[in-house]
Protein backbone atom coordinates (compact mmCIF):
# COMPACT_ATOMS: atom_id res chain seq x y z
CA UNK A 1 111.65 77.24 52.90
CA UNK A 2 113.51 74.23 51.72
CA UNK A 3 115.00 74.27 48.30
CA UNK A 4 116.40 70.81 48.86
CA UNK A 5 116.64 68.35 46.04
CA UNK A 6 113.28 66.68 46.21
CA UNK A 7 113.33 63.89 43.68
CA UNK A 8 114.89 62.85 40.40
CA UNK A 9 112.42 65.11 38.59
CA UNK A 10 112.99 68.13 40.84
CA UNK A 11 116.10 69.99 41.90
CA UNK A 12 114.18 72.08 44.42
CA UNK A 13 113.37 72.03 47.12
CA UNK A 14 130.83 60.47 75.67
CA UNK A 15 133.86 60.23 75.98
CA UNK A 16 132.67 56.71 75.34
CA UNK A 17 130.26 57.57 72.54
CA UNK A 18 132.61 56.26 69.90
CA UNK A 19 134.00 53.51 72.07
CA UNK A 20 133.31 50.05 70.73
CA UNK A 21 133.17 47.16 73.17
CA UNK A 22 133.81 43.59 72.09
CA UNK A 23 132.08 40.78 73.93
CA UNK A 24 133.52 37.37 74.50
CA UNK A 25 131.61 34.84 72.45
CA UNK A 26 132.34 32.29 75.16
CA UNK A 27 130.03 34.16 77.53
CA UNK A 28 126.25 33.70 77.32
CA UNK A 29 124.46 36.83 76.19
CA UNK A 30 122.39 38.30 79.01
CA UNK A 31 120.38 41.49 78.41
CA UNK A 32 119.43 43.45 81.53
CA UNK A 33 116.01 45.02 81.10
CA UNK A 34 115.67 48.78 81.61
CA UNK A 35 112.44 49.86 79.96
CA UNK A 36 111.71 53.04 81.95
CA UNK A 37 110.97 55.64 79.27
CA UNK A 38 113.39 54.22 76.76
CA UNK A 39 111.96 56.52 74.12
CA UNK A 40 113.68 59.48 75.81
CA UNK A 41 117.17 57.96 75.69
CA UNK A 42 119.62 59.74 73.42
CA UNK A 43 121.58 57.96 70.70
CA UNK A 44 124.77 58.24 72.72
CA UNK A 45 123.04 56.79 75.80
CA UNK A 46 121.61 53.91 73.77
CA UNK A 47 125.02 53.11 72.32
CA UNK A 48 126.50 52.85 75.82
CA UNK A 49 123.56 50.86 77.18
CA UNK A 50 123.67 48.38 74.31
CA UNK A 51 127.33 47.71 74.90
CA UNK A 52 126.81 47.26 78.64
CA UNK A 53 123.84 44.96 77.90
CA UNK A 54 121.58 47.16 79.99
CA UNK A 55 118.94 47.14 77.26
CA UNK A 56 118.46 45.43 73.92
CA UNK A 57 117.58 47.01 70.56
CA UNK A 58 114.39 44.91 70.57
CA UNK A 59 113.18 46.60 73.74
CA UNK A 60 114.11 50.02 72.43
CA UNK A 61 112.33 49.56 69.09
CA UNK A 62 109.21 48.26 70.84
CA UNK A 63 109.22 51.27 73.18
CA UNK A 64 109.72 53.79 70.39
CA UNK A 65 107.08 52.24 68.13
CA UNK A 66 104.64 52.28 71.04
CA UNK A 67 105.45 55.95 71.53
CA UNK A 68 104.82 56.57 67.81
CA UNK A 69 101.36 55.04 68.08
CA UNK A 70 100.67 57.22 71.11
CA UNK A 71 101.68 60.61 69.70
CA UNK A 72 101.07 60.40 65.94
CA UNK A 73 97.28 60.94 66.13
CA UNK A 74 97.71 64.29 67.87
CA UNK A 75 100.66 65.81 65.95
CA UNK A 76 100.71 63.90 62.61
CA UNK A 77 104.39 63.09 62.08
CA UNK A 78 104.50 59.94 59.94
CA UNK A 79 103.81 59.34 56.26
CA UNK A 80 104.97 55.72 56.12
CA UNK A 81 105.93 53.46 59.01
CA UNK A 82 108.30 50.49 58.77
CA UNK A 83 107.45 48.82 62.08
CA UNK A 84 107.74 45.21 60.91
CA UNK A 85 111.12 45.72 59.28
CA UNK A 86 112.30 47.73 62.29
CA UNK A 87 111.56 44.80 64.58
CA UNK A 88 113.41 42.42 62.25
CA UNK A 89 116.37 44.80 62.18
CA UNK A 90 116.29 45.07 65.98
CA UNK A 91 116.55 41.31 66.39
CA UNK A 92 119.46 41.22 63.96
CA UNK A 93 121.14 44.11 65.80
CA UNK A 94 120.72 42.35 69.14
CA UNK A 95 122.48 39.27 67.77
CA UNK A 96 125.34 41.25 66.30
CA UNK A 97 125.85 43.32 69.44
CA UNK A 98 126.40 40.11 71.31
CA UNK A 99 128.71 38.56 68.72
CA UNK A 100 131.92 40.40 69.50
CA UNK A 101 131.83 42.53 66.35
CA UNK A 102 133.39 45.97 66.30
CA UNK A 103 130.28 48.02 65.52
CA UNK A 104 129.73 51.73 64.74
CA UNK A 105 128.50 54.12 67.45
CA UNK A 106 125.01 54.48 65.92
CA UNK A 107 124.48 50.76 65.45
CA UNK A 108 120.97 49.73 66.52
CA UNK A 109 119.78 53.30 67.10
CA UNK A 110 116.22 54.00 65.83
CA UNK A 111 115.78 56.85 63.37
CA UNK A 112 113.20 58.51 61.11
CA UNK A 113 113.87 59.93 57.64
CA UNK A 114 112.18 62.94 56.07
CA UNK A 115 109.99 61.94 53.13
CA UNK A 116 112.07 63.96 50.68
CA UNK A 117 115.03 61.58 51.04
CA UNK A 118 114.94 58.48 48.86
CA UNK A 119 114.79 55.16 50.74
CA UNK A 120 115.20 52.17 48.44
CA UNK A 121 112.24 49.83 48.71
CA UNK A 122 110.37 52.15 51.10
CA UNK A 123 107.65 54.49 49.88
CA UNK A 124 108.92 58.03 49.30
CA UNK A 125 106.19 60.53 48.39
CA UNK A 126 107.99 63.92 48.52
CA UNK A 127 104.83 65.08 50.30
CA UNK A 128 102.86 64.99 47.05
CA UNK A 129 99.76 63.11 45.99
CA UNK A 130 101.43 62.78 42.58
CA UNK A 131 103.99 60.44 44.18
CA UNK A 132 101.71 58.78 46.74
CA UNK A 133 102.76 55.28 45.63
CA UNK A 134 106.34 56.00 44.59
CA UNK A 135 108.98 53.50 45.79
CA UNK A 136 112.55 54.44 44.78
CA UNK A 137 115.25 51.97 43.76
CA UNK A 138 118.15 53.95 45.22
CA UNK A 139 118.90 55.41 48.64
CA UNK A 140 119.83 59.03 49.13
CA UNK A 141 123.56 59.10 49.86
CA UNK A 142 123.15 60.27 53.45
CA UNK A 143 120.62 57.56 54.22
CA UNK A 144 122.78 54.98 52.45
CA UNK A 145 125.64 55.86 54.79
CA UNK A 146 123.41 55.71 57.85
CA UNK A 147 122.16 52.25 56.84
CA UNK A 148 125.79 51.16 56.63
CA UNK A 149 126.17 52.35 60.23
CA UNK A 150 123.36 50.02 61.28
CA UNK A 151 120.68 52.54 62.27
CA UNK A 152 117.13 51.19 62.28
CA UNK A 153 114.51 52.93 60.14
CA UNK A 154 111.23 53.67 61.92
CA UNK A 155 109.58 55.28 58.90
CA UNK A 156 109.27 58.42 56.79
CA UNK A 157 108.24 61.76 58.31
CA UNK A 158 105.89 64.40 56.98
CA UNK A 159 106.98 67.24 54.71
CA UNK A 160 105.17 69.79 52.56
CA UNK A 161 104.99 69.09 48.85
CA UNK A 162 108.59 68.83 47.59
CA UNK A 163 109.68 70.80 50.66
CA UNK A 164 108.35 74.00 49.08
CA UNK A 165 106.45 75.47 52.03
CA UNK A 166 107.65 77.07 55.25
CA UNK A 167 105.18 75.00 57.26
CA UNK A 168 104.54 71.26 57.12
CA UNK A 169 101.19 71.21 55.34
CA UNK A 170 100.44 68.65 52.64
CA UNK A 171 97.45 67.67 50.57
CA UNK A 172 98.67 64.11 51.11
CA UNK A 173 99.04 64.08 54.90
CA UNK A 174 97.52 67.27 56.32
CA UNK A 175 99.12 69.45 58.98
CA UNK A 176 101.96 68.59 61.37
CA UNK A 177 102.07 70.21 64.83
CA UNK A 178 104.78 71.09 67.29
CA UNK A 179 104.66 68.52 70.12
CA UNK A 180 104.32 71.35 72.64
CA UNK A 181 100.89 72.40 71.39
CA UNK A 182 98.89 70.33 68.92
CA UNK A 183 97.31 72.62 66.36
CA UNK A 184 100.33 74.93 66.33
CA UNK A 185 102.77 74.75 63.41
CA UNK A 186 105.87 72.57 63.55
CA UNK A 187 107.55 74.69 60.88
CA UNK A 188 108.87 73.32 57.61
CA UNK A 189 109.91 71.64 55.67
CA UNK A 190 111.40 69.05 58.07
CA UNK A 191 108.46 69.49 60.44
CA UNK A 192 107.68 65.81 60.86
CA UNK A 193 111.34 64.99 61.53
CA UNK A 194 111.75 67.60 64.27
CA UNK A 195 108.38 66.83 65.87
CA UNK A 196 109.17 63.10 65.89
CA UNK A 197 112.47 63.59 67.72
CA UNK A 198 111.02 65.95 70.32
CA UNK A 199 108.01 63.71 70.96
CA UNK A 200 110.21 60.66 71.61
CA UNK A 201 109.91 58.89 68.24
CA UNK A 202 113.59 58.15 67.75
CA UNK A 203 116.48 60.14 69.24
CA UNK A 204 117.65 61.33 65.82
CA UNK A 205 116.09 62.14 62.44
CA UNK A 206 117.30 62.86 58.93
CA UNK A 207 116.12 66.13 57.40
CA UNK A 208 117.07 68.63 54.72
CA UNK A 209 117.65 72.37 54.65
CA UNK A 210 117.84 74.80 51.74
CA UNK A 211 116.91 77.95 53.64
CA UNK A 212 116.02 76.84 57.16
CA UNK A 213 114.08 73.60 56.74
CA UNK A 214 116.09 71.85 59.45
CA UNK A 215 116.66 74.82 61.75
CA UNK A 216 113.16 76.34 61.67
CA UNK A 217 111.30 73.16 62.72
CA UNK A 218 114.03 72.51 65.30
CA UNK A 219 113.34 75.96 66.76
CA UNK A 220 109.54 75.64 66.79
CA UNK A 221 109.68 72.08 68.16
CA UNK A 222 112.62 72.44 70.58
CA UNK A 223 115.20 70.25 68.85
CA UNK A 224 118.81 70.57 67.76
CA UNK A 225 119.19 70.91 64.00
CA UNK A 226 122.41 71.20 62.00
CA UNK A 227 122.73 72.67 58.52
CA UNK A 228 126.34 71.81 57.66
CA UNK A 229 128.65 73.80 55.40
CA UNK A 230 128.13 73.58 51.67
CA UNK A 231 129.27 70.19 50.38
CA UNK A 232 129.61 68.41 53.74
CA UNK A 233 126.70 66.03 53.05
CA UNK A 234 126.59 64.81 49.45
CA UNK A 235 123.40 64.60 47.40
CA UNK A 236 123.22 62.49 44.27
CA UNK A 237 123.23 64.59 41.06
CA UNK A 238 123.22 67.77 43.12
CA UNK A 239 122.41 70.98 41.24
CA UNK A 240 121.79 73.30 44.20
CA UNK A 241 124.73 74.29 46.36
CA UNK A 242 122.51 75.97 48.96
CA UNK A 243 120.61 72.81 49.87
CA UNK A 244 121.86 70.06 52.10
CA UNK A 245 120.66 67.08 54.06
CA UNK A 246 121.41 67.04 57.76
CA UNK A 247 120.59 65.75 61.25
CA UNK A 248 117.96 66.67 63.82
CA UNK A 249 118.32 65.41 67.39
CA UNK A 250 117.58 66.19 71.01
CA UNK A 251 121.24 66.97 71.81
CA UNK A 252 124.15 68.52 69.93
CA UNK A 253 126.20 65.38 70.56
CA UNK A 254 123.64 63.10 68.90
CA UNK A 255 123.38 65.41 65.89
CA UNK A 256 127.17 65.50 65.66
CA UNK A 257 127.32 61.69 65.69
CA UNK A 258 124.94 61.57 62.73
CA UNK A 259 127.02 64.18 60.91
CA UNK A 260 130.15 62.09 61.52
CA UNK A 261 128.43 59.12 59.89
CA UNK A 262 127.27 60.99 56.78
CA UNK A 263 129.85 63.66 55.91
CA UNK A 264 132.45 63.27 53.22
CA UNK A 265 132.97 63.44 49.47
CA UNK A 266 130.93 61.34 47.04
CA UNK A 267 131.62 61.29 43.28
CA UNK A 268 127.90 61.70 42.51
CA UNK A 269 127.91 65.22 43.99
CA UNK A 270 130.20 67.77 42.37
CA UNK A 271 129.77 70.12 45.36
CA UNK A 272 130.83 67.55 47.97
CA UNK A 273 134.03 68.01 49.94
CA UNK A 274 136.34 65.58 51.78
CA UNK A 275 135.65 64.55 55.34
CA UNK A 276 137.18 66.68 58.09
CA UNK A 277 139.93 65.09 60.12
CA UNK A 278 138.25 66.25 63.33
CA UNK A 279 135.36 64.22 64.75
CA UNK A 280 132.18 66.21 65.25
CA UNK A 281 131.24 64.00 68.21
CA UNK A 282 134.61 64.78 69.80
CA UNK A 283 133.99 68.49 69.20
CA UNK A 284 130.57 68.22 70.87
CA UNK A 285 132.05 66.31 73.81
CA UNK A 286 134.96 68.67 74.48
CA UNK A 287 134.93 69.74 78.14
CA UNK A 288 134.92 73.29 79.42
CA UNK A 289 132.76 76.38 79.43
CA UNK A 290 132.80 79.27 76.95
CA UNK A 291 135.84 81.02 78.37
CA UNK A 292 137.77 82.66 75.58
CA UNK A 293 135.08 82.12 72.94
CA UNK A 294 134.34 85.29 70.96
CA UNK A 295 130.59 85.52 70.32
CA UNK A 296 128.87 88.12 68.19
CA UNK A 297 125.13 88.52 68.53
CA UNK A 298 122.52 90.07 66.25
CA UNK A 299 118.82 90.23 67.08
CA UNK A 300 117.33 90.14 63.61
CA UNK A 301 119.96 90.00 60.80
CA UNK A 302 118.50 93.30 59.64
CA UNK A 303 114.96 91.94 59.25
CA UNK A 304 113.52 94.47 61.77
CA UNK A 305 110.92 92.03 63.12
CA UNK A 306 111.31 90.12 66.39
CA UNK A 307 108.65 89.02 68.88
CA UNK A 308 109.18 90.48 72.35
CA UNK A 309 109.16 87.05 74.03
CA UNK A 310 111.75 85.71 71.58
CA UNK A 311 113.91 88.78 72.20
CA UNK A 312 113.69 88.30 75.98
CA UNK A 313 114.72 84.66 75.78
CA UNK A 314 117.47 85.33 73.25
CA UNK A 315 118.92 88.11 75.44
CA UNK A 316 118.91 85.70 78.36
CA UNK A 317 120.77 83.15 76.23
CA UNK A 318 123.41 85.78 75.39
CA UNK A 319 123.69 86.65 79.09
CA UNK A 320 124.18 82.95 79.86
CA UNK A 321 127.04 82.80 77.36
CA UNK A 322 128.62 85.88 78.90
CA UNK A 323 128.34 84.37 82.38
CA UNK A 324 129.99 81.20 81.08
CA UNK A 325 133.08 83.17 80.05
CA UNK A 326 132.34 84.16 76.46
CA UNK A 327 133.44 87.52 75.11
CA UNK A 328 130.22 89.11 73.79
CA UNK A 329 129.92 91.74 71.08
CA UNK A 330 126.87 93.19 69.37
CA UNK A 331 127.04 92.93 65.57
CA UNK A 332 125.19 94.66 62.75
CA UNK A 333 125.02 93.13 59.31
CA UNK A 334 123.70 94.49 56.03
CA UNK A 335 122.15 91.89 53.75
CA UNK A 336 120.19 92.03 50.49
CA UNK A 337 116.41 91.78 50.76
CA UNK A 338 115.79 88.20 51.86
CA UNK A 339 112.51 87.78 50.01
CA UNK A 340 114.05 88.99 46.74
CA UNK A 341 117.04 86.68 47.16
CA UNK A 342 114.70 83.77 47.79
CA UNK A 343 112.98 84.51 44.48
CA UNK A 344 116.31 84.73 42.66
CA UNK A 345 117.49 81.40 44.06
CA UNK A 346 114.25 79.44 43.86
CA UNK A 347 111.78 81.26 41.61
CA UNK A 348 112.27 79.25 38.45
CA UNK A 349 112.14 76.00 40.40
CA UNK A 350 108.65 76.93 41.58
CA UNK A 351 107.69 77.64 37.98
CA UNK A 352 108.89 74.17 36.92
CA UNK A 353 107.08 72.45 39.81
CA UNK A 354 103.85 74.36 39.15
CA UNK A 355 103.87 73.33 35.49
CA UNK A 356 104.48 69.67 36.31
CA UNK A 357 101.81 69.52 39.00
CA UNK A 358 99.30 71.05 36.65
CA UNK A 359 100.18 68.43 34.01
CA UNK A 360 99.60 65.76 36.65
CA UNK A 361 96.25 67.31 37.60
CA UNK A 362 97.42 67.91 41.19
CA UNK A 363 95.85 70.68 43.26
CA UNK A 364 98.48 73.34 43.92
CA UNK A 365 98.87 75.36 47.11
CA UNK A 366 98.19 79.12 46.68
CA UNK A 367 101.65 80.03 48.00
CA UNK A 368 103.33 77.83 45.37
CA UNK A 369 101.32 79.59 42.67
CA UNK A 370 102.30 82.96 44.14
CA UNK A 371 106.00 82.09 44.32
CA UNK A 372 105.92 80.66 40.80
CA UNK A 373 104.29 83.87 39.58
CA UNK A 374 107.02 85.94 41.23
CA UNK A 375 109.66 83.69 39.73
CA UNK A 376 108.21 83.99 36.25
CA UNK A 377 108.59 87.77 36.40
CA UNK A 378 112.34 87.61 36.96
CA UNK A 379 114.55 88.51 34.01
CA UNK A 380 117.37 86.32 32.82
CA UNK A 381 119.80 89.03 33.86
CA UNK A 382 118.41 89.00 37.40
CA UNK A 383 118.63 85.23 37.71
CA UNK A 384 122.17 85.24 36.34
CA UNK A 385 123.07 87.78 39.03
CA UNK A 386 122.20 85.39 41.84
CA UNK A 387 125.83 84.23 42.04
CA UNK A 388 127.01 87.78 42.73
CA UNK A 389 124.25 88.18 45.34
CA UNK A 390 125.33 85.01 47.14
CA UNK A 391 128.90 86.29 47.21
CA UNK A 392 127.61 89.57 48.63
CA UNK A 393 125.87 87.66 51.42
CA UNK A 394 128.98 85.59 52.12
CA UNK A 395 131.13 88.73 52.30
CA UNK A 396 128.64 90.41 54.63
CA UNK A 397 128.85 87.52 57.09
CA UNK A 398 132.62 87.33 56.71
CA UNK A 399 132.98 91.03 57.52
CA UNK A 400 130.51 90.87 60.43
CA UNK A 401 132.38 87.93 61.95
CA UNK A 402 135.83 89.53 61.85
CA UNK A 403 137.49 88.75 65.16
CA UNK A 404 134.65 86.42 66.21
CA UNK A 405 134.36 82.66 66.57
CA UNK A 406 130.58 82.44 66.06
CA UNK A 407 127.61 84.67 65.34
CA UNK A 408 124.38 83.97 67.24
CA UNK A 409 120.84 85.07 66.38
CA UNK A 410 117.34 83.92 67.24
CA UNK A 411 116.53 81.08 64.85
CA UNK A 412 113.03 82.40 64.17
CA UNK A 413 111.40 85.77 64.87
CA UNK A 414 108.40 84.11 66.53
CA UNK A 415 107.60 80.90 68.36
CA UNK A 416 105.07 78.38 67.05
CA UNK A 417 101.76 79.81 65.84
CA UNK A 418 98.34 78.33 65.02
CA UNK A 419 98.35 76.15 61.91
CA UNK A 420 96.51 78.06 59.22
CA UNK A 421 96.92 76.70 55.71
CA UNK A 422 100.02 76.84 53.56
CA UNK A 423 101.25 80.26 54.72
CA UNK A 424 100.23 80.62 58.35
CA UNK A 425 98.62 83.75 59.74
CA UNK A 426 99.89 87.31 59.30
CA UNK A 427 100.21 89.18 62.58
CA UNK A 428 101.60 92.32 64.11
CA UNK A 429 104.97 91.60 65.70
CA UNK A 430 106.65 94.39 67.62
CA UNK A 431 104.38 96.94 66.00
CA UNK A 432 105.14 95.73 62.48
CA UNK A 433 102.64 94.15 60.13
CA UNK A 434 104.28 90.94 59.01
CA UNK A 435 104.23 88.77 55.96
CA UNK A 436 102.52 85.41 56.67
CA UNK A 437 104.38 83.72 59.51
CA UNK A 438 105.04 80.59 57.45
CA UNK A 439 107.39 82.76 55.39
CA UNK A 440 108.61 85.12 58.13
CA UNK A 441 110.06 82.27 60.19
CA UNK A 442 112.70 81.61 57.50
CA UNK A 443 113.99 85.17 57.25
CA UNK A 444 116.96 84.61 59.60
CA UNK A 445 117.81 81.11 58.37
CA UNK A 446 117.84 81.90 54.64
CA UNK A 447 120.98 84.11 54.56
CA UNK A 448 123.46 81.61 56.10
CA UNK A 449 122.25 79.01 53.59
CA UNK A 450 122.97 81.29 50.63
CA UNK A 451 126.42 81.98 52.10
CA UNK A 452 127.07 78.23 52.44
CA UNK A 453 127.89 78.56 56.14
CA UNK A 454 127.38 75.97 58.89
CA UNK A 455 124.45 76.91 61.14
CA UNK A 456 122.84 75.14 64.10
CA UNK A 457 119.64 75.73 66.00
CA UNK A 458 119.79 74.82 69.69
CA UNK A 459 116.89 75.14 72.17
CA UNK A 460 117.04 78.49 73.96
CA UNK A 461 114.17 78.32 76.43
CA UNK A 462 110.39 78.51 76.55
CA UNK A 463 108.00 81.42 76.20
CA UNK A 464 105.44 82.26 78.85
CA UNK A 465 103.02 80.18 76.77
CA UNK A 466 105.30 77.13 77.08
CA UNK A 467 106.54 77.18 73.48
CA UNK A 468 110.23 76.64 72.65
CA UNK A 469 112.50 79.06 70.82
CA UNK A 470 115.81 78.38 69.13
CA UNK A 471 119.21 80.08 69.21
CA UNK A 472 121.01 79.94 65.87
CA UNK A 473 124.81 79.51 65.92
CA UNK A 474 126.46 80.52 62.64
CA UNK A 475 130.06 79.54 61.95
CA UNK A 476 132.69 80.29 59.37
CA UNK A 477 132.78 78.32 56.13
CA UNK A 478 134.15 74.82 56.85
CA UNK A 479 134.11 75.62 60.57
CA UNK A 480 131.48 72.97 61.35
CA UNK A 481 133.42 71.36 64.19
CA UNK A 482 134.13 74.72 65.83
CA UNK A 483 130.52 75.89 65.77
CA UNK A 484 129.33 72.47 67.01
CA UNK A 485 131.76 72.73 69.93
CA UNK A 486 130.48 76.18 70.92
CA UNK A 487 126.83 75.16 70.57
CA UNK A 488 127.39 72.05 72.70
CA UNK A 489 128.98 74.11 75.46
CA UNK A 490 126.03 76.50 75.38
CA UNK A 491 123.65 73.53 75.56
CA UNK A 492 125.34 72.41 78.78
CA UNK A 493 124.52 75.74 80.44
CA UNK A 494 120.89 74.72 80.80
CA UNK A 495 118.69 71.65 80.58
CA UNK A 496 116.26 72.67 77.84
CA UNK A 497 116.86 69.41 76.00
CA UNK A 498 115.73 67.48 79.08
CA UNK A 499 112.25 69.05 78.96
CA UNK A 500 109.74 66.81 77.20
CA UNK A 501 106.23 67.60 75.97
CA UNK A 502 103.28 66.04 77.80
CA UNK A 503 101.70 64.17 74.90
């Protein structure tokens, strides 16, 4: 569940990709039309096509907005759309692309933003009826940086109230589905962002992740989602070192390009760190297979629950890495109880949110009441001990990864499941009675967040029912570029990202 910073009142919650081409202003601008399924083009492809004048931003925005109108009724991905402004921005981008300016790689690329991130002048609801008409004055830092890169906002994507649920269910907007099966959960809390990308509504999206809220929806929807290391992406007035904004895309390269545009220190975030010298897009574009890469794998991070279909597909992914030259080693890791750690990290935040929503007269989800009740029973000594627990988790990963370059796990223990309220159904998985699936799906993404480590979810295949699963790549602290490079090379072993849902 996301513990990302929700709002000012809440602290919860290729080689030519970077090439810039100048045009001679003495030449007339001629745009060659190529409209065949433009909504499936990646950000890197669009950047190249713009500079070769094979397509214009106006055509791309029209195609993507048409796609939005087509798919939104069946999977419910948008809270607020900015179609008129997007078309204005596209015309401006077309003019600038033809002016000879030296423009950033993401210039003119369409994008959605999760409705937890502030967008100045554009409605930002945090998924709550209490903020249904809220329009912020300031941009979130990540979005501010993306605007400076010239990306074009398509609108705000669905999220549960303040990002506090493991599925994207909201009293304001209803339920969001994975594009592969309407009526099945997209995961949370960046469910709308991941579903938008996978359904062809923008090649990239901006999400947030405090315990899996980028990676879980990416897994259930079949996207790439990056949770960067602690401090890589700054958040204004940040009070929660576990939470971070981050990109969702259809390819590792596109996600890396967005990370390049948004990473780096900002004085408004005391946790933020300087930009790496290495380009993430360059890391994602590095040639070669996995020869020499030392990969550790773990089926469940000690959670003891894993669906048989997810296990089969994950084992095949590990076999693919071995066949591509990686050195493979099974790893065991001992971690504190994930549910208890979640309560330590987030319990009091749920108490605060519950009290405020009750003051506002807002109906509260049962799971928020339950989590607030658990949080209220924690002692001050227990809450104070959360720092030692986080260090314990960090040390456990550090020990498990000795001699390894990356650790891989399934991203979620199950694939998408029928949407069923704020918790999802409880099932038997592998002979075990489970907690509600809306909580279970975050059990393998929570621990890397509390350790502050970079972690990516990359598509790892489809179940017999045609539902995607994700493979989680966990790197060492500050090793974002290294783990991106490994994940990108795994991505090239198959074509999962080229499979599109039939919506």
